[in-house]
C-alpha atoms as a PDB file:
ATOM      1  CA  MET A   1      51.668  79.348 165.863  1.00  0.00           C
ATOM      2  CA  SER A   2      50.593  82.606 167.438  1.00  0.00           C
ATOM      3  CA  LEU A   3      46.947  83.240 168.289  1.00  0.00           C
ATOM      4  CA  PRO A   4      45.398  86.583 169.217  1.00  0.00           C
ATOM      5  CA  GLU A   5      44.579  87.064 172.883  1.00  0.00           C
ATOM      6  CA  VAL A   6      40.979  86.384 173.879  1.00  0.00           C
ATOM      7  CA  PRO A   7      39.377  89.685 174.947  1.00  0.00           C
ATOM      8  CA  SER A   8      38.693  89.760 178.688  1.00  0.00           C
ATOM      9  CA  SER A   9      35.012  90.454 177.966  1.00  0.00           C
ATOM     10  CA  LEU A  10      34.738  86.874 176.656  1.00  0.00           C
ATOM     11  CA  HIS A  11      36.388  85.065 179.563  1.00  0.00           C
ATOM     12  CA  GLN A  12      33.144  84.164 181.352  1.00  0.00           C
ATOM     13  CA  CYS A  13      30.645  83.864 178.502  1.00  0.00           C
ATOM     14  CA  LYS A  14      29.913  81.695 175.507  1.00  0.00           C
ATOM     15  CA  PHE A  15      31.814  82.850 172.422  1.00  0.00           C
ATOM     16  CA  ILE A  16      32.595  81.819 168.867  1.00  0.00           C
ATOM     17  CA  VAL A  17      35.928  81.524 167.112  1.00  0.00           C
ATOM     18  CA  LEU A  18      36.150  81.760 163.329  1.00  0.00           C
ATOM     19  CA  ALA A  19      39.507  80.589 162.051  1.00  0.00           C
ATOM     20  CA  THR A  20      40.670  80.745 158.452  1.00  0.00           C
ATOM     21  CA  VAL A  21      43.509  78.323 157.787  1.00  0.00           C
ATOM     22  CA  VAL A  22      45.386  78.282 154.482  1.00  0.00           C
ATOM     23  CA  ALA A  23      47.654  75.311 153.873  1.00  0.00           C
ATOM     24  CA  ALA A  24      51.102  75.764 152.379  1.00  0.00           C
ATOM     25  CA  ASP A  25      51.538  74.498 148.818  1.00  0.00           C
ATOM     26  CA  GLY A  26      51.083  70.742 148.688  1.00  0.00           C
ATOM     27  CA  LYS A  27      50.139  70.507 152.389  1.00  0.00           C
ATOM     28  CA  ALA A  28      46.310  70.631 152.247  1.00  0.00           C
ATOM     29  CA  ASP A  29      45.871  66.907 152.920  1.00  0.00           C
ATOM     30  CA  GLU A  30      48.208  67.053 155.909  1.00  0.00           C
ATOM     31  CA  VAL A  31      46.438  70.116 157.323  1.00  0.00           C
ATOM     32  CA  GLN A  32      43.060  68.448 156.795  1.00  0.00           C
ATOM     33  CA  THR A  33      44.209  65.358 158.694  1.00  0.00           C
ATOM     34  CA  HIS A  34      45.261  67.520 161.655  1.00  0.00           C
ATOM     35  CA  LEU A  35      42.018  69.512 161.610  1.00  0.00           C
ATOM     36  CA  LEU A  36      39.865  66.391 161.573  1.00  0.00           C
ATOM     37  CA  LYS A  37      41.757  64.941 164.551  1.00  0.00           C
ATOM     38  CA  ILE A  38      41.261  68.214 166.407  1.00  0.00           C
ATOM     39  CA  ARG A  39      37.564  68.211 165.457  1.00  0.00           C
ATOM     40  CA  ASP A  40      37.011  64.653 166.647  1.00  0.00           C
ATOM     41  CA  ARG A  41      38.494  65.390 170.060  1.00  0.00           C
ATOM     42  CA  ALA A  42      36.775  68.779 170.361  1.00  0.00           C
ATOM     43  CA  ASN A  43      33.366  67.237 169.688  1.00  0.00           C
ATOM     44  CA  SER A  44      33.908  64.451 172.221  1.00  0.00           C
ATOM     45  CA  SER A  45      33.345  64.283 175.960  1.00  0.00           C
ATOM     46  CA  GLU A  46      37.052  65.101 176.392  1.00  0.00           C
ATOM     47  CA  GLU A  47      36.210  68.775 175.775  1.00  0.00           C
ATOM     48  CA  PRO A  48      32.922  69.390 177.614  1.00  0.00           C
ATOM     49  CA  LYS A  49      33.209  73.177 177.265  1.00  0.00           C
ATOM     50  CA  THR A  50      33.576  72.964 173.489  1.00  0.00           C
ATOM     51  CA  LEU A  51      29.998  73.252 172.258  1.00  0.00           C
ATOM     52  CA  SER A  52      30.761  72.913 168.563  1.00  0.00           C
ATOM     53  CA  TYR A  53      33.791  72.487 166.320  1.00  0.00           C
ATOM     54  CA  ARG A  54      33.107  72.406 162.593  1.00  0.00           C
ATOM     55  CA  VAL A  55      35.688  72.221 159.820  1.00  0.00           C
ATOM     56  CA  THR A  56      34.906  73.328 156.264  1.00  0.00           C
ATOM     57  CA  LYS A  57      37.013  73.215 153.118  1.00  0.00           C
ATOM     58  CA  SER A  58      36.647  75.746 150.321  1.00  0.00           C
ATOM     59  CA  VAL A  59      35.319  74.397 147.039  1.00  0.00           C
ATOM     60  CA  GLU A  60      37.058  77.143 145.045  1.00  0.00           C
ATOM     61  CA  ASN A  61      40.341  77.052 146.984  1.00  0.00           C
ATOM     62  CA  PRO A  62      40.845  73.559 148.444  1.00  0.00           C
ATOM     63  CA  GLU A  63      43.873  74.687 150.448  1.00  0.00           C
ATOM     64  CA  THR A  64      41.596  77.005 152.491  1.00  0.00           C
ATOM     65  CA  PHE A  65      39.716  75.794 155.565  1.00  0.00           C
ATOM     66  CA  ILE A  66      37.237  77.709 157.708  1.00  0.00           C
ATOM     67  CA  ILE A  67      36.720  76.444 161.250  1.00  0.00           C
ATOM     68  CA  PHE A  68      33.679  77.412 163.334  1.00  0.00           C
ATOM     69  CA  GLU A  69      34.245  76.873 167.046  1.00  0.00           C
ATOM     70  CA  GLU A  70      31.976  77.570 170.014  1.00  0.00           C
ATOM     71  CA  TYR A  71      33.167  77.560 173.624  1.00  0.00           C
ATOM     72  CA  VAL A  72      31.825  78.115 177.122  1.00  0.00           C
ATOM     73  CA  GLY A  73      34.202  80.753 178.420  1.00  0.00           C
ATOM     74  CA  HIS A  74      37.931  81.120 178.160  1.00  0.00           C
ATOM     75  CA  SER A  75      38.541  77.963 180.199  1.00  0.00           C
ATOM     76  CA  GLY A  76      36.877  75.870 177.482  1.00  0.00           C
ATOM     77  CA  TYR A  77      38.990  77.468 174.775  1.00  0.00           C
ATOM     78  CA  ASP A  78      42.144  77.131 176.856  1.00  0.00           C
ATOM     79  CA  ALA A  79      41.493  73.412 177.411  1.00  0.00           C
ATOM     80  CA  HIS A  80      41.072  73.012 173.646  1.00  0.00           C
ATOM     81  CA  LEU A  81      44.389  74.736 172.938  1.00  0.00           C
ATOM     82  CA  LYS A  82      46.154  72.415 175.395  1.00  0.00           C
ATOM     83  CA  SER A  83      44.915  69.231 173.701  1.00  0.00           C
ATOM     84  CA  ASP A  84      47.481  66.895 172.166  1.00  0.00           C
ATOM     85  CA  SER A  85      45.816  67.138 168.753  1.00  0.00           C
ATOM     86  CA  PHE A  86      46.002  70.946 168.748  1.00  0.00           C
ATOM     87  CA  LYS A  87      49.601  70.893 169.977  1.00  0.00           C
ATOM     88  CA  ALA A  88      50.516  68.508 167.130  1.00  0.00           C
ATOM     89  CA  LEU A  89      49.229  71.000 164.548  1.00  0.00           C
ATOM     90  CA  SER A  90      50.926  73.894 166.342  1.00  0.00           C
ATOM     91  CA  LYS A  91      54.251  72.063 166.282  1.00  0.00           C
ATOM     92  CA  GLU A  92      54.109  71.700 162.488  1.00  0.00           C
ATOM     93  CA  ALA A  93      52.370  75.000 161.717  1.00  0.00           C
ATOM     94  CA  ASP A  94      55.419  76.802 160.339  1.00  0.00           C
ATOM     95  CA  SER A  95      56.004  74.112 157.727  1.00  0.00           C
ATOM     96  CA  ILE A  96      52.417  73.253 156.717  1.00  0.00           C
ATOM     97  CA  LEU A  97      50.458  76.517 157.053  1.00  0.00           C
ATOM     98  CA  LYS A  98      50.629  79.454 154.692  1.00  0.00           C
ATOM     99  CA  SER A  99      48.434  81.607 156.927  1.00  0.00           C
ATOM    100  CA  LEU A 100      46.137  81.555 159.932  1.00  0.00           C
ATOM    101  CA  ASP A 101      43.555  84.195 160.825  1.00  0.00           C
ATOM    102  CA  VAL A 102      41.570  83.879 164.065  1.00  0.00           C
ATOM    103  CA  LYS A 103      38.653  86.136 165.043  1.00  0.00           C
ATOM    104  CA  TYR A 104      36.518  86.076 168.192  1.00  0.00           C
ATOM    105  CA  HIS A 105      32.753  86.701 168.045  1.00  0.00           C
ATOM    106  CA  LEU A 106      29.625  86.842 170.179  1.00  0.00           C
ATOM    107  CA  GLU A 107      26.413  85.294 168.917  1.00  0.00           C
ATOM    108  CA  LEU A 108      23.493  87.714 168.719  1.00  0.00           C
END
């Protein structure tokens, strides 16, 4: 699973990640299970630089998930990406994801 590089302007500040995840046919439940495990760890004391990690599921397209993530600097995001729960999803991504789109944002 390939993610876009975090712009250097975000390395030392709080930033937001909006990820759109589309499950492969018949894999929505499996993707959801992974995302909820990632969410639970991200929102725990194990990831102190993850300020928020919210998972949503589309009502119209139940194979589509939008994830809202907020981090304190690149080090917080990097720690999140190195978690066992994130690595588990990454390992299976080619077989359970149809698409993944990740965008980085600053809150105004």
